[in-house]
N, C-alpha and C. Protein backbone atom coordinates (compact mmCIF):
# COMPACT_ATOMS: atom_id res chain seq x y z
N MET A 1 141.63 106.60 95.67
CA MET A 1 139.83 106.33 95.32
C MET A 1 140.14 106.24 96.63
N SER A 2 138.15 107.17 96.62
CA SER A 2 137.54 106.90 98.52
C SER A 2 136.84 105.45 98.22
N LYS A 3 136.53 105.68 99.61
CA LYS A 3 135.63 104.35 99.36
C LYS A 3 134.34 103.77 99.13
N PHE A 4 133.68 105.14 99.18
CA PHE A 4 132.23 105.68 98.47
C PHE A 4 132.74 105.39 96.31
N ASP A 5 133.87 105.25 96.52
CA ASP A 5 133.98 105.91 95.09
C ASP A 5 134.65 104.57 94.37
N GLU A 6 134.56 103.52 96.12
CA GLU A 6 134.88 102.36 95.15
C GLU A 6 133.69 101.05 95.71
N ALA A 7 133.01 101.65 96.01
CA ALA A 7 131.49 100.65 96.51
C ALA A 7 130.84 101.17 95.17
N MET A 8 130.25 102.75 95.04
CA MET A 8 130.28 102.71 93.82
C MET A 8 129.70 101.74 92.80
N ASP A 9 131.53 101.46 92.19
CA ASP A 9 132.50 101.12 91.14
C ASP A 9 131.30 99.69 90.79
N LYS A 10 131.20 98.98 92.28
CA LYS A 10 131.35 97.93 92.46
C LYS A 10 129.46 97.47 92.60
N TYR A 11 129.04 98.42 92.51
CA TYR A 11 127.26 98.12 92.48
C TYR A 11 126.64 98.35 91.07
N ARG A 12 127.57 99.31 90.55
CA ARG A 12 128.06 100.01 89.01
C ARG A 12 128.32 98.00 88.55
N ASN A 13 129.65 97.93 88.68
CA ASN A 13 129.39 96.18 87.55
C ASN A 13 127.99 95.27 88.33
N THR A 14 127.60 95.24 89.27
CA THR A 14 126.23 94.20 89.60
C THR A 14 125.83 94.38 88.61
N LEU A 15 125.79 96.08 88.80
CA LEU A 15 124.59 96.47 87.10
C LEU A 15 124.36 95.80 86.38
N SER A 16 125.87 96.41 85.54
CA SER A 16 126.33 95.37 84.67
C SER A 16 126.01 93.69 84.34
N GLU A 17 126.48 93.34 84.99
CA GLU A 17 126.42 91.49 85.77
C GLU A 17 125.14 91.67 85.53
N LEU A 18 124.24 91.93 85.96
CA LEU A 18 122.78 91.74 85.74
C LEU A 18 121.34 91.48 83.63
N GLY A 19 122.90 92.88 84.05
CA GLY A 19 122.32 93.32 82.19
C GLY A 19 121.07 94.54 82.02
N THR A 20 122.00 95.80 83.18
CA THR A 20 120.51 96.39 83.53
C THR A 20 121.02 98.07 83.28
N THR A 21 120.68 98.21 82.33
CA THR A 21 121.32 100.16 82.79
C THR A 21 120.58 100.46 83.58
N TYR A 22 121.04 101.96 83.97
CA TYR A 22 121.28 102.52 84.79
C TYR A 22 121.10 104.13 85.42
N ASP A 23 120.40 104.43 86.38
CA ASP A 23 120.36 105.63 86.46
C ASP A 23 121.71 105.93 87.09
N ASP A 24 123.06 106.33 87.40
CA ASP A 24 124.10 106.57 87.43
C ASP A 24 123.73 107.57 89.03
N ALA A 25 123.04 108.35 88.64
CA ALA A 25 123.02 109.75 89.33
C ALA A 25 121.71 109.12 90.43
N LEU A 26 120.49 108.53 90.32
CA LEU A 26 119.28 107.91 90.97
C LEU A 26 120.37 107.30 91.93
N LEU A 27 121.48 106.03 91.35
CA LEU A 27 122.09 105.36 91.79
C LEU A 27 122.93 105.40 94.03
N THR A 28 123.72 106.10 93.13
CA THR A 28 124.23 107.48 94.07
C THR A 28 123.25 107.39 94.86
N LYS A 29 122.54 108.18 94.59
CA LYS A 29 121.99 109.29 95.86
C LYS A 29 120.51 107.64 96.76
N VAL A 30 120.89 106.89 96.50
CA VAL A 30 119.97 105.39 96.79
C VAL A 30 121.71 105.13 98.03
N ALA A 31 122.71 104.66 97.54
CA ALA A 31 123.95 104.28 98.38
C ALA A 31 124.27 105.66 99.82
N LYS A 32 124.06 106.89 99.09
CA LYS A 32 124.18 107.89 99.76
C LYS A 32 123.01 107.44 101.19
N GLY A 33 122.07 107.67 101.19
CA GLY A 33 120.54 107.38 101.74
C GLY A 33 121.12 106.21 102.74
N LEU A 34 121.63 105.37 102.27
CA LEU A 34 122.57 104.91 102.86
C LEU A 34 122.93 104.13 104.20
N GLY A 35 123.86 105.14 103.79
CA GLY A 35 125.08 106.25 105.17
C GLY A 35 126.36 104.92 105.27
N PRO A 36 126.29 104.86 106.12
CA PRO A 36 128.04 104.13 106.55
C PRO A 36 127.15 102.66 106.76
N SER A 37 126.58 102.39 105.83
CA SER A 37 126.07 100.41 106.32
C SER A 37 127.09 100.80 105.01
N ILE A 38 126.82 101.13 103.92
CA ILE A 38 127.32 100.74 102.89
C ILE A 38 128.77 100.09 103.41
N TYR A 39 129.04 100.42 104.13
CA TYR A 39 131.50 100.09 105.27
C TYR A 39 130.94 99.01 105.84
N ASN A 40 130.14 98.21 106.01
CA ASN A 40 130.09 97.34 106.37
C ASN A 40 129.72 95.93 105.72
N VAL A 41 130.66 94.87 106.08
CA VAL A 41 130.65 93.98 105.72
C VAL A 41 128.99 93.44 105.36
N ASP A 42 128.24 92.45 106.79
CA ASP A 42 127.15 92.24 107.42
C ASP A 42 126.25 93.16 106.47
N SER A 43 125.71 94.94 107.06
CA SER A 43 125.07 95.52 106.46
C SER A 43 125.11 96.33 105.31
N SER A 44 126.13 95.47 104.41
CA SER A 44 125.94 96.42 102.91
C SER A 44 125.12 95.32 102.03
N LEU A 45 125.45 94.94 102.16
CA LEU A 45 124.45 93.08 101.64
C LEU A 45 123.28 92.77 102.18
N VAL A 46 122.42 92.90 101.46
CA VAL A 46 120.79 91.00 101.82
C VAL A 46 120.97 90.12 101.45
N SER A 47 120.62 89.41 102.55
CA SER A 47 120.50 88.26 102.49
C SER A 47 118.70 87.95 101.17
N ALA A 48 118.97 87.14 100.41
CA ALA A 48 117.59 87.03 99.32
C ALA A 48 116.85 86.27 100.14
N THR A 49 117.48 85.36 100.74
CA THR A 49 117.64 83.92 101.40
C THR A 49 116.33 84.00 102.90
N ASP A 50 116.67 84.55 102.87
CA ASP A 50 115.98 84.79 105.07
C ASP A 50 114.91 86.17 104.33
N GLN A 51 113.39 85.30 104.60
CA GLN A 51 112.45 86.05 104.61
C GLN A 51 112.56 87.04 106.24
N THR A 52 113.21 87.32 107.08
CA THR A 52 113.13 88.32 107.30
C THR A 52 113.90 88.94 107.63
N GLU A 53 115.75 88.96 106.45
CA GLU A 53 115.64 89.79 106.22
C GLU A 53 114.72 91.30 105.12
N LEU A 54 114.20 89.89 103.96
CA LEU A 54 113.33 90.81 103.19
C LEU A 54 112.52 91.53 103.98
N GLY A 55 110.98 90.47 104.46
CA GLY A 55 110.38 91.26 106.12
C GLY A 55 110.96 93.39 106.14
N ARG A 56 112.52 93.00 106.32
CA ARG A 56 113.33 93.98 107.08
C ARG A 56 113.56 95.45 105.99
N VAL A 57 113.86 94.55 104.99
CA VAL A 57 113.51 95.51 103.66
C VAL A 57 112.91 96.79 103.03
N LYS A 58 111.49 95.27 103.89
CA LYS A 58 109.98 95.77 103.04
C LYS A 58 109.75 96.73 103.91
N ASN A 59 110.21 96.08 104.73
CA ASN A 59 109.22 97.91 106.56
C ASN A 59 109.87 98.31 106.62
N ASN A 60 111.66 98.95 106.36
CA ASN A 60 112.71 99.86 106.68
C ASN A 60 112.43 100.52 105.36
N PHE A 61 112.46 99.77 103.95
CA PHE A 61 113.35 100.93 102.54
C PHE A 61 112.15 101.06 102.86
N LEU A 62 111.09 100.35 101.82
CA LEU A 62 109.64 100.82 101.24
C LEU A 62 108.12 101.09 102.24
N ILE A 63 108.38 101.06 103.76
CA ILE A 63 107.33 101.85 103.66
C ILE A 63 107.76 103.29 105.08
N LYS A 64 108.36 102.80 105.83
CA LYS A 64 109.87 104.02 107.11
C LYS A 64 109.82 104.80 104.65
N LYS A 65 111.14 103.97 104.53
CA LYS A 65 111.51 105.35 104.04
C LYS A 65 111.15 105.47 102.52
N LEU A 66 110.37 105.07 102.17
CA LEU A 66 109.84 105.73 100.55
C LEU A 66 108.54 106.11 100.90
N GLY A 67 107.64 105.64 102.49
CA GLY A 67 106.50 105.69 102.67
C GLY A 67 105.19 105.76 101.58
N LEU A 68 105.68 103.96 101.52
CA LEU A 68 104.19 102.77 100.67
C LEU A 68 103.58 102.88 101.54
N ALA A 69 102.41 102.07 101.02
CA ALA A 69 101.24 101.82 102.03
C ALA A 69 101.95 100.29 101.68
N ASP A 70 101.67 99.38 102.58
CA ASP A 70 101.81 98.38 103.17
C ASP A 70 101.22 97.48 102.19
N SER A 71 101.51 96.71 101.33
CA SER A 71 100.64 95.39 100.64
C SER A 71 101.18 94.65 99.70
N ALA A 72 100.64 93.33 99.06
CA ALA A 72 100.83 92.37 98.46
C ALA A 72 102.17 93.01 97.69
N ASP A 73 101.72 93.70 97.24
CA ASP A 73 102.38 94.34 95.34
C ASP A 73 104.24 94.72 96.73
N LEU A 74 104.18 94.74 97.47
CA LEU A 74 105.55 95.49 98.20
C LEU A 74 106.56 93.87 97.80
N ASP A 75 105.25 92.93 98.61
CA ASP A 75 106.12 91.80 98.55
C ASP A 75 106.67 91.14 97.46
N LYS A 76 105.56 91.55 96.19
CA LYS A 76 106.19 91.11 94.92
C LYS A 76 107.33 91.25 94.23
N ALA A 77 107.20 92.75 94.89
CA ALA A 77 108.48 93.45 94.26
C ALA A 77 109.47 93.19 95.08
N VAL A 78 109.62 92.75 95.64
CA VAL A 78 111.03 92.29 97.13
C VAL A 78 111.49 91.01 96.19
N LYS A 79 109.96 90.43 96.07
CA LYS A 79 110.57 88.98 94.72
C LYS A 79 110.61 89.13 93.86
N GLU A 80 110.48 89.85 93.49
CA GLU A 80 111.04 89.97 92.07
C GLU A 80 112.43 90.60 91.69
N VAL A 81 112.90 90.82 93.09
CA VAL A 81 113.70 92.48 92.60
C VAL A 81 114.68 90.99 93.28
N ALA A 82 114.74 90.43 94.08
CA ALA A 82 115.60 89.27 94.87
C ALA A 82 116.40 88.03 93.53
N ASP A 83 114.68 87.40 93.07
CA ASP A 83 114.79 86.93 92.39
C ASP A 83 115.46 87.33 91.00
N ALA A 84 116.02 88.21 90.12
CA ALA A 84 116.30 89.67 89.82
C ALA A 84 117.88 89.06 89.57
N MET A 85 118.03 88.80 91.00
CA MET A 85 119.04 88.89 90.84
C MET A 85 120.03 87.74 91.62
N LYS A 86 118.75 86.36 91.67
CA LYS A 86 119.88 85.52 92.21
C LYS A 86 121.08 84.76 91.90
N SER A 87 121.50 85.08 90.42
CA SER A 87 122.52 84.98 89.35
C SER A 87 123.99 85.48 90.46
N ILE A 88 123.42 86.88 91.40
CA ILE A 88 124.88 87.91 92.39
C ILE A 88 124.83 86.89 92.65
N ARG A 89 125.96 86.34 94.39
CA ARG A 89 126.69 85.91 95.43
C ARG A 89 125.66 86.37 96.14
N GLN A 90 126.80 87.63 96.34
CA GLN A 90 126.81 88.78 97.61
C GLN A 90 124.88 89.98 96.67
N LYS A 91 124.63 90.18 97.06
CA LYS A 91 123.70 91.52 96.88
C LYS A 91 124.10 92.44 97.72
N PRO A 92 124.31 93.10 96.33
CA PRO A 92 124.43 95.01 98.09
C PRO A 92 123.58 94.74 97.57
N ARG A 93 123.86 95.59 99.04
CA ARG A 93 122.09 96.80 99.18
C ARG A 93 121.90 97.77 98.42
N ALA A 94 123.21 98.24 98.39
CA ALA A 94 122.07 99.69 97.14
C ALA A 94 121.81 99.36 96.02
N VAL A 95 122.19 98.23 96.30
CA VAL A 95 121.89 97.93 93.95
C VAL A 95 120.42 97.69 94.91
N PHE A 96 119.85 96.47 95.15
CA PHE A 96 118.78 95.74 95.90
C PHE A 96 117.67 97.35 95.79
N TYR A 97 118.42 97.93 96.65
CA TYR A 97 117.53 98.78 96.93
C TYR A 97 116.77 100.28 95.88
N TYR A 98 118.00 100.29 95.00
CA TYR A 98 118.22 100.50 94.15
C TYR A 98 116.79 100.68 93.05
N LEU A 99 117.51 98.76 92.69
CA LEU A 99 116.40 98.00 91.44
C LEU A 99 114.59 98.03 92.39
N LEU A 100 114.46 97.94 93.84
CA LEU A 100 113.21 98.03 93.93
C LEU A 100 112.40 99.99 93.46
N THR A 101 113.36 100.50 94.48
CA THR A 101 112.69 101.89 93.92
C THR A 101 112.81 101.97 92.54
N VAL A 102 113.49 102.04 91.41
CA VAL A 102 113.21 100.79 89.83
C VAL A 102 111.69 101.31 89.89
N LYS A 103 111.67 99.98 90.41
CA LYS A 103 111.25 98.65 90.31
C LYS A 103 109.46 99.73 90.70
N LEU A 104 109.15 100.12 91.63
CA LEU A 104 108.52 100.75 92.07
C LEU A 104 108.08 101.92 92.11
N GLY A 105 108.31 102.51 90.87
CA GLY A 105 108.01 104.08 90.31
C GLY A 105 108.56 105.19 91.42
N GLN A 106 109.74 105.03 91.95
CA GLN A 106 109.08 105.69 93.44
C GLN A 106 110.70 106.45 93.01
N GLN A 107 110.94 107.14 92.20
CA GLN A 107 112.36 107.80 91.66
C GLN A 107 112.37 109.32 91.88
N SER A 108 111.35 109.53 92.13
CA SER A 108 110.99 110.99 92.84
C SER A 108 111.50 111.17 94.19
N HIS A 109 111.25 110.23 94.48
CA HIS A 109 111.81 110.77 96.23
C HIS A 109 113.29 110.21 96.93
N TYR A 110 113.94 110.16 95.47
CA TYR A 110 115.45 111.07 95.89
C TYR A 110 115.75 111.75 94.67
N ALA A 111 114.14 112.91 94.00
CA ALA A 111 114.90 113.04 93.18
C ALA A 111 115.11 115.27 94.13
């Protein structure tokens, strides 16, 4: 099994733990969009208690990657996803970004 397949299994398990139904094709595209960062322990996780990290998620992913305009709705979405993943000790970045993509209706970005 490749490292990518192992990472995808971890992401699927995390979404299952959350009780979330998910689109496997979209999850795969989000993970591939993160490139090699998914293989680095530090960059593959999101620290939901670090406001600086959550700001980077908003700026680098939501604004730069997805092209969304900065607004309070983005902050709210990031907080809601962090709260939804509260039961997961180590929050995989690919899952965090997947949930944000779905929450904000940006699935077409990965079409």
